Structure formats: structure tokens, C-alpha cells
Amino acid sequence: MNGGRSGLLILAAILVFVLLSSVFIVDQRELAIKLRLGEVVKSDYGPGLKWKAPVIDTIVKFPKRILTISDRPERVFTKENEALQVDFFVKYRIVDPVRFYTSTGGVLENGERRLSEIIKNAVVTEFGKRTVSEAISVGRQELMQDMLQTAAPTAIDIGAELIDFRVKQVEFMDDVRESVYRQMESERKRIAFERRAEGDAEAERIRAEADKQSTIIRAEANKQSQIIRGEGDARSAEIYATAFNRDPEFYSFYRSINAYRNSVGTPGDILVLDPNNEFFQYLNQSRGSDE
């Protein structure tokens, strides 16, 4: 009786083991392939509970999500043979689990090493086509796009799709950084000298133009003043002539009074003349009438 019960327990255990060995679960974030004696027999599994033959079937799973490769900075050379240190990362996902398994032996780390080498070759190739200026600033976006396009076909060959390629940092190597900085400093000084020379030349042009305009304005003003002065003198002569014609005697008297004021009325001046001189005509007449 006990022997029969033990046999049933053993049979039940075997059945449970066979049952557990016959089922597996595929998560929605996973890709799964089924191997039978080392040969791939099925790969198009959706999420859920799946069946397999015990012992002879093996299930290999890969992540379905987007993965990241961020390797150590790589040393590359530009078109000018300048050494740069490039730090980058790549986003990828496995799109063909069978090809990925065949290429990597089912080990994810092997696949990432293969992809890392593919990416490094693309980095070296694309940086080698560009100058330092193009690689660092001018064509950074175009550079990353070209590296992605260069590496993508080879990545597909091992069952992976490259989603994005980003250059995080580009630096000069320690042995060339100081030399490059000196070149940059020299270039900035040259540009500053050219700008100062252009500024001095422009300042001279502006000063010359200002002097020219000043001379023209002064000449025009002098011309206008001469015209106005001539018109004033003519008008003055006309007024004098009119006044003289109306009363010549008063005009002579007015002229003499002004002459007395300008000649005799100045302190410190000495005027030596004959008292009977015509210059004192009106003074003599005034004295004679007083007597």
C-alpha cells in the first residue's frame, strides 16, 4: 500500500516537472526564440503563456525595449590629422532575434561589443572626412546623422536597429590641446588686429568726411555772410546818400559828431591839430555862438 502511494507521488512529481518544463511566459517587453537541439524552430512569439517540448526545446529571450551603449571616449583623427577624443552614446533595439542570436551566440554583451565596434568604425570614418571646425560646431547635427547612416546597415546585419546616435563631447587630446589653444589665440589676435585696422580706417574716413563737410559749410557761411554784408553796406550807403540829399548840412554835422566821439572821446589818446583846422569846424562854430 505504501509502495503504491510512493509510486503515485513520484508519478505526480514527474508530471508536474514535465508540465513546468513544457510552459514558459513571454513578457511584452521581451523577444523569445525557441531552439530544438540547438536549431531555431520558432521566433514569432507574442506576449503570454507558451508551450514547448521538455528537455529538447530551449527558450532564449532578449529585451525588446530600446537599449543604450555608452562606451569609453574614442580617439579619432580629423581631415587635418588633428587628434580628438569623442564621447558618444547610441540607442538601439533588437529587431531580428534569430539573426541576433546567430551573430552573438545568444549573449547580449557579445552583441553590444559587436555594435560598439561598428559604431567606432563609423565615428572614425565620419570624423576623418571633416575638419575640426566642421566636427565641433558647424556640422555637428549632420555629422551625427552621417555616423548613424554609416553604422546602421552593418547593425542590421546582426539583427539590431540603431535608433539614435549622439556625440556628448568632443575634446582635443592633452598632447595637442595646448598647441590648438595657441593657434586659436593667434587667430583671435589676428582677427582683432584686422578689426582694429578696419575701425581706424573707418574713423579716418569719417573724420575726413566731417572735415570736408565742415569746410564746405564754413565756405558757404562765409559766402552768405559776404553777400549779406555787401547787401548791408549797399543799403547803408543808400541810406547815407538819401540822408545827405535831404539835408547835406545835417549829414556833415552828424559825421563830424561821430568823428569827435571816436577821436577825442578815447582816454589816453593825444590829437595834435591846428585849432583852425576844418576838423573843429562845428566846435569853433559852437564856441563862437556862445560868445
C-alpha atoms as a PDB file:
ATOM      1  CA  MET A   1       0.000   0.000   0.000  1.00  0.00           C
ATOM      2  CA  ASN A   2       2.790   2.389   0.945  1.00  0.00           C
ATOM      3  CA  GLY A   3       4.736   1.367  -2.158  1.00  0.00           C
ATOM      4  CA  GLY A   4       1.740   2.213  -4.378  1.00  0.00           C
ATOM      5  CA  ARG A   5       1.353   5.601  -2.716  1.00  0.00           C
ATOM      6  CA  SER A   6       5.046   6.400  -3.192  1.00  0.00           C
ATOM      7  CA  GLY A   7       4.790   5.434  -6.835  1.00  0.00           C
ATOM      8  CA  LEU A   8       1.846   7.807  -7.280  1.00  0.00           C
ATOM      9  CA  LEU A   9       3.791  10.620  -5.629  1.00  0.00           C
ATOM     10  CA  ILE A  10       6.756  10.019  -7.890  1.00  0.00           C
ATOM     11  CA  LEU A  11       4.497   9.933 -10.939  1.00  0.00           C
ATOM     12  CA  ALA A  12       2.795  13.128  -9.856  1.00  0.00           C
ATOM     13  CA  ALA A  13       6.173  14.806  -9.348  1.00  0.00           C
ATOM     14  CA  ILE A  14       7.272  13.698 -12.801  1.00  0.00           C
ATOM     15  CA  LEU A  15       4.066  15.032 -14.316  1.00  0.00           C
ATOM     16  CA  VAL A  16       4.475  18.375 -12.526  1.00  0.00           C
ATOM     17  CA  PHE A  17       8.080  18.594 -13.726  1.00  0.00           C
ATOM     18  CA  VAL A  18       7.057  17.784 -17.286  1.00  0.00           C
ATOM     19  CA  LEU A  19       4.245  20.335 -17.115  1.00  0.00           C
ATOM     20  CA  LEU A  20       6.521  23.047 -15.750  1.00  0.00           C
ATOM     21  CA  SER A  21       9.148  22.196 -18.344  1.00  0.00           C
ATOM     22  CA  SER A  22       6.540  22.468 -21.087  1.00  0.00           C
ATOM     23  CA  VAL A  23       5.386  26.043 -20.419  1.00  0.00           C
ATOM     24  CA  PHE A  24       7.097  29.419 -20.440  1.00  0.00           C
ATOM     25  CA  ILE A  25       5.954  33.038 -20.256  1.00  0.00           C
ATOM     26  CA  VAL A  26       6.867  35.747 -22.773  1.00  0.00           C
ATOM     27  CA  ASP A  27       6.676  39.249 -21.305  1.00  0.00           C
ATOM     28  CA  GLN A  28       5.536  42.123 -23.524  1.00  0.00           C
ATOM     29  CA  ARG A  29       8.988  43.679 -23.054  1.00  0.00           C
ATOM     30  CA  GLU A  30      10.756  40.563 -24.355  1.00  0.00           C
ATOM     31  CA  LEU A  31      11.603  38.802 -27.615  1.00  0.00           C
ATOM     32  CA  ALA A  32      11.789  34.997 -27.452  1.00  0.00           C
ATOM     33  CA  ILE A  33      13.054  32.277 -29.766  1.00  0.00           C
ATOM     34  CA  LYS A  34      12.723  28.502 -29.384  1.00  0.00           C
ATOM     35  CA  LEU A  35      15.635  26.215 -30.028  1.00  0.00           C
ATOM     36  CA  ARG A  36      15.293  22.483 -30.576  1.00  0.00           C
ATOM     37  CA  LEU A  37      18.553  20.689 -30.112  1.00  0.00           C
ATOM     38  CA  GLY A  38      20.372  23.964 -30.930  1.00  0.00           C
ATOM     39  CA  GLU A  39      18.307  24.765 -34.042  1.00  0.00           C
ATOM     40  CA  VAL A  40      15.955  27.761 -34.124  1.00  0.00           C
ATOM     41  CA  VAL A  41      12.457  26.467 -34.755  1.00  0.00           C
ATOM     42  CA  LYS A  42      10.247  29.425 -33.776  1.00  0.00           C
ATOM     43  CA  SER A  43      10.691  33.142 -33.073  1.00  0.00           C
ATOM     44  CA  ASP A  44       7.432  34.990 -33.674  1.00  0.00           C
ATOM     45  CA  TYR A  45       6.134  34.803 -30.100  1.00  0.00           C
ATOM     46  CA  GLY A  46       3.683  37.310 -28.739  1.00  0.00           C
ATOM     47  CA  PRO A  47       3.205  38.050 -25.023  1.00  0.00           C
ATOM     48  CA  GLY A  48       1.582  35.342 -22.881  1.00  0.00           C
ATOM     49  CA  LEU A  49       1.853  31.701 -21.765  1.00  0.00           C
ATOM     50  CA  LYS A  50       3.554  29.456 -24.352  1.00  0.00           C
ATOM     51  CA  TRP A  51       4.297  25.721 -24.748  1.00  0.00           C
ATOM     52  CA  LYS A  52       7.467  23.856 -25.609  1.00  0.00           C
ATOM     53  CA  ALA A  53       8.745  20.300 -25.616  1.00  0.00           C
ATOM     54  CA  PRO A  54      10.538  19.434 -22.387  1.00  0.00           C
ATOM     55  CA  VAL A  55      14.250  18.739 -22.437  1.00  0.00           C
ATOM     56  CA  ILE A  56      14.741  19.071 -26.213  1.00  0.00           C
ATOM     57  CA  ASP A  57      13.447  22.646 -26.511  1.00  0.00           C
ATOM     58  CA  THR A  58      15.261  25.675 -25.107  1.00  0.00           C
ATOM     59  CA  ILE A  59      13.941  29.254 -24.894  1.00  0.00           C
ATOM     60  CA  VAL A  60      16.257  32.246 -25.350  1.00  0.00           C
ATOM     61  CA  LYS A  61      14.965  35.731 -24.544  1.00  0.00           C
ATOM     62  CA  PHE A  62      16.203  39.196 -25.457  1.00  0.00           C
ATOM     63  CA  PRO A  63      14.972  42.614 -24.265  1.00  0.00           C
ATOM     64  CA  LYS A  64      12.503  44.256 -26.622  1.00  0.00           C
ATOM     65  CA  ARG A  65      12.963  47.772 -25.229  1.00  0.00           C
ATOM     66  CA  ILE A  66      15.379  50.415 -26.538  1.00  0.00           C
ATOM     67  CA  LEU A  67      18.886  49.836 -25.163  1.00  0.00           C
ATOM     68  CA  THR A  68      21.858  52.182 -24.736  1.00  0.00           C
ATOM     69  CA  ILE A  69      25.552  51.722 -25.499  1.00  0.00           C
ATOM     70  CA  SER A  70      27.782  54.303 -23.833  1.00  0.00           C
ATOM     71  CA  ASP A  71      31.400  53.253 -24.276  1.00  0.00           C
ATOM     72  CA  ARG A  72      34.612  54.965 -23.197  1.00  0.00           C
ATOM     73  CA  PRO A  73      35.703  58.035 -25.253  1.00  0.00           C
ATOM     74  CA  GLU A  74      37.250  57.150 -28.588  1.00  0.00           C
ATOM     75  CA  ARG A  75      40.379  58.736 -30.123  1.00  0.00           C
ATOM     76  CA  VAL A  76      39.852  59.826 -33.738  1.00  0.00           C
ATOM     77  CA  PHE A  77      41.661  61.985 -36.308  1.00  0.00           C
ATOM     78  CA  THR A  78      40.112  64.737 -38.396  1.00  0.00           C
ATOM     79  CA  LYS A  79      40.732  65.617 -42.024  1.00  0.00           C
ATOM     80  CA  GLU A  80      43.551  67.904 -40.822  1.00  0.00           C
ATOM     81  CA  ASN A  81      45.096  64.969 -38.909  1.00  0.00           C
ATOM     82  CA  GLU A  82      44.195  66.578 -35.573  1.00  0.00           C
ATOM     83  CA  ALA A  83      43.557  64.086 -32.759  1.00  0.00           C
ATOM     84  CA  LEU A  84      40.214  64.389 -30.956  1.00  0.00           C
ATOM     85  CA  GLN A  85      38.626  62.489 -28.091  1.00  0.00           C
ATOM     86  CA  VAL A  86      34.966  61.749 -28.819  1.00  0.00           C
ATOM     87  CA  ASP A  87      32.492  60.725 -26.137  1.00  0.00           C
ATOM     88  CA  PHE A  88      29.212  59.351 -27.528  1.00  0.00           C
ATOM     89  CA  PHE A  89      26.277  57.076 -26.883  1.00  0.00           C
ATOM     90  CA  VAL A  90      23.922  55.076 -29.111  1.00  0.00           C
ATOM     91  CA  LYS A  91      20.317  53.967 -28.718  1.00  0.00           C
ATOM     92  CA  TYR A  92      19.399  50.653 -30.355  1.00  0.00           C
ATOM     93  CA  ARG A  93      16.908  47.790 -30.204  1.00  0.00           C
ATOM     94  CA  ILE A  94      16.876  44.184 -31.330  1.00  0.00           C
ATOM     95  CA  VAL A  95      14.560  43.774 -34.307  1.00  0.00           C
ATOM     96  CA  ASP A  96      15.558  40.281 -35.524  1.00  0.00           C
ATOM     97  CA  PRO A  97      16.131  37.947 -32.530  1.00  0.00           C
ATOM     98  CA  VAL A  98      17.090  34.995 -34.732  1.00  0.00           C
ATOM     99  CA  ARG A  99      19.845  36.918 -36.545  1.00  0.00           C
ATOM    100  CA  PHE A 100      20.963  38.493 -33.271  1.00  0.00           C
ATOM    101  CA  TYR A 101      21.188  35.040 -31.658  1.00  0.00           C
ATOM    102  CA  THR A 102      23.111  33.634 -34.623  1.00  0.00           C
ATOM    103  CA  SER A 103      25.561  36.571 -34.612  1.00  0.00           C
ATOM    104  CA  THR A 104      26.145  36.734 -30.877  1.00  0.00           C
ATOM    105  CA  GLY A 105      25.583  33.199 -29.634  1.00  0.00           C
ATOM    106  CA  GLY A 106      22.600  34.475 -27.646  1.00  0.00           C
ATOM    107  CA  VAL A 107      24.743  36.648 -25.329  1.00  0.00           C
ATOM    108  CA  LEU A 108      23.592  40.279 -25.155  1.00  0.00           C
ATOM    109  CA  GLU A 109      27.035  41.518 -24.096  1.00  0.00           C
ATOM    110  CA  ASN A 110      28.568  39.954 -27.222  1.00  0.00           C
ATOM    111  CA  GLY A 111      26.045  41.818 -29.347  1.00  0.00           C
ATOM    112  CA  GLU A 112      26.814  45.121 -27.657  1.00  0.00           C
ATOM    113  CA  ARG A 113      30.530  44.581 -28.218  1.00  0.00           C
ATOM    114  CA  ARG A 114      29.863  43.960 -31.906  1.00  0.00           C
ATOM    115  CA  LEU A 115      27.706  47.057 -32.130  1.00  0.00           C
ATOM    116  CA  SER A 116      30.304  49.111 -30.259  1.00  0.00           C
ATOM    117  CA  GLU A 117      32.936  48.176 -32.841  1.00  0.00           C
ATOM    118  CA  ILE A 118      30.557  49.036 -35.685  1.00  0.00           C
ATOM    119  CA  ILE A 119      29.832  52.421 -34.142  1.00  0.00           C
ATOM    120  CA  LYS A 120      33.511  53.207 -33.511  1.00  0.00           C
ATOM    121  CA  ASN A 121      34.310  52.473 -37.156  1.00  0.00           C
ATOM    122  CA  ALA A 122      31.555  54.903 -38.202  1.00  0.00           C
ATOM    123  CA  VAL A 123      32.909  57.571 -35.828  1.00  0.00           C
ATOM    124  CA  VAL A 124      36.445  57.214 -37.181  1.00  0.00           C
ATOM    125  CA  THR A 125      35.212  57.277 -40.791  1.00  0.00           C
ATOM    126  CA  GLU A 126      33.000  60.346 -40.491  1.00  0.00           C
ATOM    127  CA  PHE A 127      35.390  62.419 -38.366  1.00  0.00           C
ATOM    128  CA  GLY A 128      38.137  61.645 -40.866  1.00  0.00           C
ATOM    129  CA  LYS A 129      36.092  63.367 -43.580  1.00  0.00           C
ATOM    130  CA  ARG A 130      35.771  66.655 -41.672  1.00  0.00           C
ATOM    131  CA  THR A 131      37.887  69.481 -40.337  1.00  0.00           C
ATOM    132  CA  VAL A 132      37.997  70.338 -36.634  1.00  0.00           C
ATOM    133  CA  SER A 133      35.637  73.270 -37.138  1.00  0.00           C
ATOM    134  CA  GLU A 134      33.107  71.152 -39.010  1.00  0.00           C
ATOM    135  CA  ALA A 135      33.291  68.356 -36.444  1.00  0.00           C
ATOM    136  CA  ILE A 136      32.944  70.581 -33.381  1.00  0.00           C
ATOM    137  CA  SER A 137      30.434  73.244 -34.299  1.00  0.00           C
ATOM    138  CA  VAL A 138      29.447  73.861 -37.907  1.00  0.00           C
ATOM    139  CA  GLY A 139      28.148  70.418 -38.881  1.00  0.00           C
ATOM    140  CA  ARG A 140      27.560  68.622 -35.584  1.00  0.00           C
ATOM    141  CA  GLN A 141      23.990  67.581 -36.423  1.00  0.00           C
ATOM    142  CA  GLU A 142      24.923  66.490 -39.922  1.00  0.00           C
ATOM    143  CA  LEU A 143      27.910  64.588 -38.528  1.00  0.00           C
ATOM    144  CA  MET A 144      25.755  62.559 -36.128  1.00  0.00           C
ATOM    145  CA  GLN A 145      23.254  61.804 -38.886  1.00  0.00           C
ATOM    146  CA  ASP A 146      26.035  60.601 -41.206  1.00  0.00           C
ATOM    147  CA  MET A 147      27.536  58.379 -38.497  1.00  0.00           C
ATOM    148  CA  LEU A 148      24.124  56.839 -37.891  1.00  0.00           C
ATOM    149  CA  GLN A 149      23.652  56.144 -41.603  1.00  0.00           C
ATOM    150  CA  THR A 150      27.156  54.669 -41.881  1.00  0.00           C
ATOM    151  CA  ALA A 151      26.710  52.258 -38.970  1.00  0.00           C
ATOM    152  CA  ALA A 152      23.030  51.333 -39.473  1.00  0.00           C
ATOM    153  CA  PRO A 153      23.392  48.816 -42.360  1.00  0.00           C
ATOM    154  CA  THR A 154      26.068  46.812 -40.527  1.00  0.00           C
ATOM    155  CA  ALA A 155      23.985  46.829 -37.347  1.00  0.00           C
ATOM    156  CA  ILE A 156      21.022  45.399 -39.280  1.00  0.00           C
ATOM    157  CA  ASP A 157      23.256  42.506 -40.363  1.00  0.00           C
ATOM    158  CA  ILE A 158      23.410  41.313 -36.742  1.00  0.00           C
ATOM    159  CA  GLY A 159      19.692  41.884 -36.133  1.00  0.00           C
ATOM    160  CA  ALA A 160      19.831  45.310 -34.404  1.00  0.00           C
ATOM    161  CA  GLU A 161      18.391  48.688 -35.409  1.00  0.00           C
ATOM    162  CA  LEU A 162      20.204  51.906 -34.454  1.00  0.00           C
ATOM    163  CA  ILE A 163      17.659  54.439 -33.208  1.00  0.00           C
ATOM    164  CA  ASP A 164      19.801  57.439 -32.323  1.00  0.00           C
ATOM    165  CA  PHE A 165      23.446  58.474 -32.296  1.00  0.00           C
ATOM    166  CA  ARG A 166      24.613  61.337 -30.056  1.00  0.00           C
ATOM    167  CA  VAL A 167      28.015  62.918 -29.605  1.00  0.00           C
ATOM    168  CA  LYS A 168      28.168  64.041 -25.970  1.00  0.00           C
ATOM    169  CA  GLN A 169      31.540  65.737 -26.014  1.00  0.00           C
ATOM    170  CA  VAL A 170      34.457  66.406 -28.345  1.00  0.00           C
ATOM    171  CA  GLU A 171      37.795  67.376 -26.811  1.00  0.00           C
ATOM    172  CA  PHE A 172      41.336  67.796 -28.006  1.00  0.00           C
ATOM    173  CA  MET A 173      43.848  65.305 -26.744  1.00  0.00           C
ATOM    174  CA  ASP A 174      46.167  66.519 -23.992  1.00  0.00           C
ATOM    175  CA  ASP A 175      49.213  66.437 -26.267  1.00  0.00           C
ATOM    176  CA  VAL A 176      47.631  68.736 -28.886  1.00  0.00           C
ATOM    177  CA  ARG A 177      45.263  70.839 -26.759  1.00  0.00           C
ATOM    178  CA  GLU A 178      47.898  73.440 -25.821  1.00  0.00           C
ATOM    179  CA  SER A 179      49.025  73.760 -29.431  1.00  0.00           C
ATOM    180  CA  VAL A 180      45.444  74.222 -30.607  1.00  0.00           C
ATOM    181  CA  TYR A 181      44.771  76.819 -27.924  1.00  0.00           C
ATOM    182  CA  ARG A 182      47.828  78.770 -29.065  1.00  0.00           C
ATOM    183  CA  GLN A 183      46.615  78.606 -32.653  1.00  0.00           C
ATOM    184  CA  MET A 184      43.164  79.778 -31.587  1.00  0.00           C
ATOM    185  CA  GLU A 185      44.693  82.620 -29.565  1.00  0.00           C
ATOM    186  CA  SER A 186      46.841  83.673 -32.531  1.00  0.00           C
ATOM    187  CA  GLU A 187      43.814  83.553 -34.825  1.00  0.00           C
ATOM    188  CA  ARG A 188      41.759  85.682 -32.425  1.00  0.00           C
ATOM    189  CA  LYS A 189      44.579  88.220 -32.193  1.00  0.00           C
ATOM    190  CA  ARG A 190      44.796  88.372 -35.979  1.00  0.00           C
ATOM    191  CA  ILE A 191      41.057  88.945 -36.247  1.00  0.00           C
ATOM    192  CA  ALA A 192      41.207  91.605 -33.510  1.00  0.00           C
ATOM    193  CA  PHE A 193      44.053  93.383 -35.342  1.00  0.00           C
ATOM    194  CA  GLU A 194      42.093  93.326 -38.600  1.00  0.00           C
ATOM    195  CA  ARG A 195      39.001  94.674 -36.857  1.00  0.00           C
ATOM    196  CA  ARG A 196      41.009  97.474 -35.220  1.00  0.00           C
ATOM    197  CA  ALA A 197      42.614  98.348 -38.569  1.00  0.00           C
ATOM    198  CA  GLU A 198      39.210  98.422 -40.232  1.00  0.00           C
ATOM    199  CA  GLY A 199      37.905 100.594 -37.388  1.00  0.00           C
ATOM    200  CA  ASP A 200      40.835 103.027 -37.691  1.00  0.00           C
ATOM    201  CA  ALA A 201      40.351 103.254 -41.443  1.00  0.00           C
ATOM    202  CA  GLU A 202      36.638 103.901 -40.989  1.00  0.00           C
ATOM    203  CA  ALA A 203      37.385 106.531 -38.327  1.00  0.00           C
ATOM    204  CA  GLU A 204      39.784 108.295 -40.693  1.00  0.00           C
ATOM    205  CA  ARG A 205      37.198 108.219 -43.458  1.00  0.00           C
ATOM    206  CA  ILE A 206      34.552 109.670 -41.142  1.00  0.00           C
ATOM    207  CA  ARG A 207      36.934 112.397 -39.907  1.00  0.00           C
ATOM    208  CA  ALA A 208      37.916 113.276 -43.482  1.00  0.00           C
ATOM    209  CA  GLU A 209      34.264 113.439 -44.481  1.00  0.00           C
ATOM    210  CA  ALA A 210      33.489 115.579 -41.424  1.00  0.00           C
ATOM    211  CA  ASP A 211      36.377 117.942 -42.238  1.00  0.00           C
ATOM    212  CA  LYS A 212      35.176 118.172 -45.821  1.00  0.00           C
ATOM    213  CA  GLN A 213      31.628 118.948 -44.737  1.00  0.00           C
ATOM    214  CA  SER A 214      32.935 121.476 -42.181  1.00  0.00           C
ATOM    215  CA  THR A 215      34.988 123.256 -44.863  1.00  0.00           C
ATOM    216  CA  ILE A 216      32.022 123.331 -47.225  1.00  0.00           C
ATOM    217  CA  ILE A 217      29.706 124.639 -44.503  1.00  0.00           C
ATOM    218  CA  ARG A 218      32.203 127.337 -43.442  1.00  0.00           C
ATOM    219  CA  ALA A 219      32.773 128.382 -47.055  1.00  0.00           C
ATOM    220  CA  GLU A 220      29.027 128.542 -47.652  1.00  0.00           C
ATOM    221  CA  ALA A 221      28.515 130.501 -44.435  1.00  0.00           C
ATOM    222  CA  ASN A 222      31.343 132.913 -45.347  1.00  0.00           C
ATOM    223  CA  LYS A 223      29.842 133.329 -48.776  1.00  0.00           C
ATOM    224  CA  GLN A 224      26.448 134.093 -47.316  1.00  0.00           C
ATOM    225  CA  SER A 225      27.974 136.499 -44.791  1.00  0.00           C
ATOM    226  CA  GLN A 226      29.819 138.329 -47.560  1.00  0.00           C
ATOM    227  CA  ILE A 227      26.603 138.579 -49.545  1.00  0.00           C
ATOM    228  CA  ILE A 228      24.664 139.812 -46.526  1.00  0.00           C
ATOM    229  CA  ARG A 229      27.471 142.235 -45.576  1.00  0.00           C
ATOM    230  CA  GLY A 230      27.580 143.560 -49.138  1.00  0.00           C
ATOM    231  CA  GLU A 231      23.822 143.975 -49.184  1.00  0.00           C
ATOM    232  CA  GLY A 232      24.046 145.742 -45.787  1.00  0.00           C
ATOM    233  CA  ASP A 233      26.808 148.033 -46.969  1.00  0.00           C
ATOM    234  CA  ALA A 234      24.847 148.834 -50.102  1.00  0.00           C
ATOM    235  CA  ARG A 235      21.753 149.533 -48.046  1.00  0.00           C
ATOM    236  CA  SER A 236      23.778 151.639 -45.631  1.00  0.00           C
ATOM    237  CA  ALA A 237      25.299 153.646 -48.489  1.00  0.00           C
ATOM    238  CA  GLU A 238      21.841 154.073 -49.923  1.00  0.00           C
ATOM    239  CA  ILE A 239      20.535 155.390 -46.583  1.00  0.00           C
ATOM    240  CA  TYR A 240      23.523 157.700 -46.209  1.00  0.00           C
ATOM    241  CA  ALA A 241      23.019 159.005 -49.723  1.00  0.00           C
ATOM    242  CA  THR A 242      19.332 159.574 -49.104  1.00  0.00           C
ATOM    243  CA  ALA A 243      20.047 161.388 -45.823  1.00  0.00           C
ATOM    244  CA  PHE A 244      22.735 163.529 -47.453  1.00  0.00           C
ATOM    245  CA  ASN A 245      20.451 164.527 -50.301  1.00  0.00           C
ATOM    246  CA  ARG A 246      17.709 165.535 -47.893  1.00  0.00           C
ATOM    247  CA  ASP A 247      19.933 167.679 -45.609  1.00  0.00           C
ATOM    248  CA  PRO A 248      23.614 167.861 -46.525  1.00  0.00           C
ATOM    249  CA  GLU A 249      24.390 170.193 -43.652  1.00  0.00           C
ATOM    250  CA  PHE A 250      22.861 167.886 -41.016  1.00  0.00           C
ATOM    251  CA  TYR A 251      24.656 164.919 -42.554  1.00  0.00           C
ATOM    252  CA  SER A 252      28.001 166.739 -42.313  1.00  0.00           C
ATOM    253  CA  PHE A 253      27.229 167.692 -38.719  1.00  0.00           C
ATOM    254  CA  TYR A 254      26.320 164.074 -37.843  1.00  0.00           C
ATOM    255  CA  ARG A 255      29.514 162.784 -39.436  1.00  0.00           C
ATOM    256  CA  SER A 256      31.609 165.306 -37.516  1.00  0.00           C
ATOM    257  CA  ILE A 257      29.990 164.455 -34.187  1.00  0.00           C
ATOM    258  CA  ASN A 258      30.754 160.778 -34.721  1.00  0.00           C
ATOM    259  CA  ALA A 259      34.337 161.674 -35.619  1.00  0.00           C
ATOM    260  CA  TYR A 260      34.669 163.734 -32.411  1.00  0.00           C
ATOM    261  CA  ARG A 261      33.311 160.816 -30.353  1.00  0.00           C
ATOM    262  CA  ASN A 262      35.668 158.299 -31.936  1.00  0.00           C
ATOM    263  CA  SER A 263      38.775 160.510 -31.858  1.00  0.00           C
ATOM    264  CA  VAL A 264      38.596 162.889 -28.908  1.00  0.00           C
ATOM    265  CA  GLY A 265      36.493 160.846 -26.524  1.00  0.00           C
ATOM    266  CA  THR A 266      39.000 157.998 -26.054  1.00  0.00           C
ATOM    267  CA  PRO A 267      41.043 158.242 -22.760  1.00  0.00           C
ATOM    268  CA  GLY A 268      44.824 158.442 -23.200  1.00  0.00           C
ATOM    269  CA  ASP A 269      44.732 159.476 -26.864  1.00  0.00           C
ATOM    270  CA  ILE A 270      46.577 162.663 -27.952  1.00  0.00           C
ATOM    271  CA  LEU A 271      45.400 164.566 -31.005  1.00  0.00           C
ATOM    272  CA  VAL A 272      47.677 167.413 -32.237  1.00  0.00           C
ATOM    273  CA  LEU A 273      45.868 169.655 -34.755  1.00  0.00           C
ATOM    274  CA  ASP A 274      45.626 173.335 -35.621  1.00  0.00           C
ATOM    275  CA  PRO A 275      42.608 174.814 -33.800  1.00  0.00           C
ATOM    276  CA  ASN A 276      41.521 176.385 -37.063  1.00  0.00           C
ATOM    277  CA  ASN A 277      41.564 173.003 -38.806  1.00  0.00           C
ATOM    278  CA  GLU A 278      38.407 172.065 -40.654  1.00  0.00           C
ATOM    279  CA  PHE A 279      38.063 169.129 -38.285  1.00  0.00           C
ATOM    280  CA  PHE A 280      36.976 171.504 -35.489  1.00  0.00           C
ATOM    281  CA  GLN A 281      34.547 173.376 -37.695  1.00  0.00           C
ATOM    282  CA  TYR A 282      31.451 172.707 -35.629  1.00  0.00           C
ATOM    283  CA  LEU A 283      33.264 173.103 -32.325  1.00  0.00           C
ATOM    284  CA  ASN A 284      34.511 176.517 -33.369  1.00  0.00           C
ATOM    285  CA  GLN A 285      31.032 177.488 -34.571  1.00  0.00           C
ATOM    286  CA  SER A 286      29.554 176.335 -31.251  1.00  0.00           C
ATOM    287  CA  ARG A 287      32.101 178.411 -29.267  1.00  0.00           C
ATOM    288  CA  GLY A 288      31.556 181.489 -31.450  1.00  0.00           C
ATOM    289  CA  SER A 289      27.784 181.380 -30.972  1.00  0.00           C
ATOM    290  CA  ASP A 290      28.313 181.074 -27.156  1.00  0.00           C
ATOM    291  CA  GLU A 291      30.334 184.278 -27.170  1.00  0.00           C
END
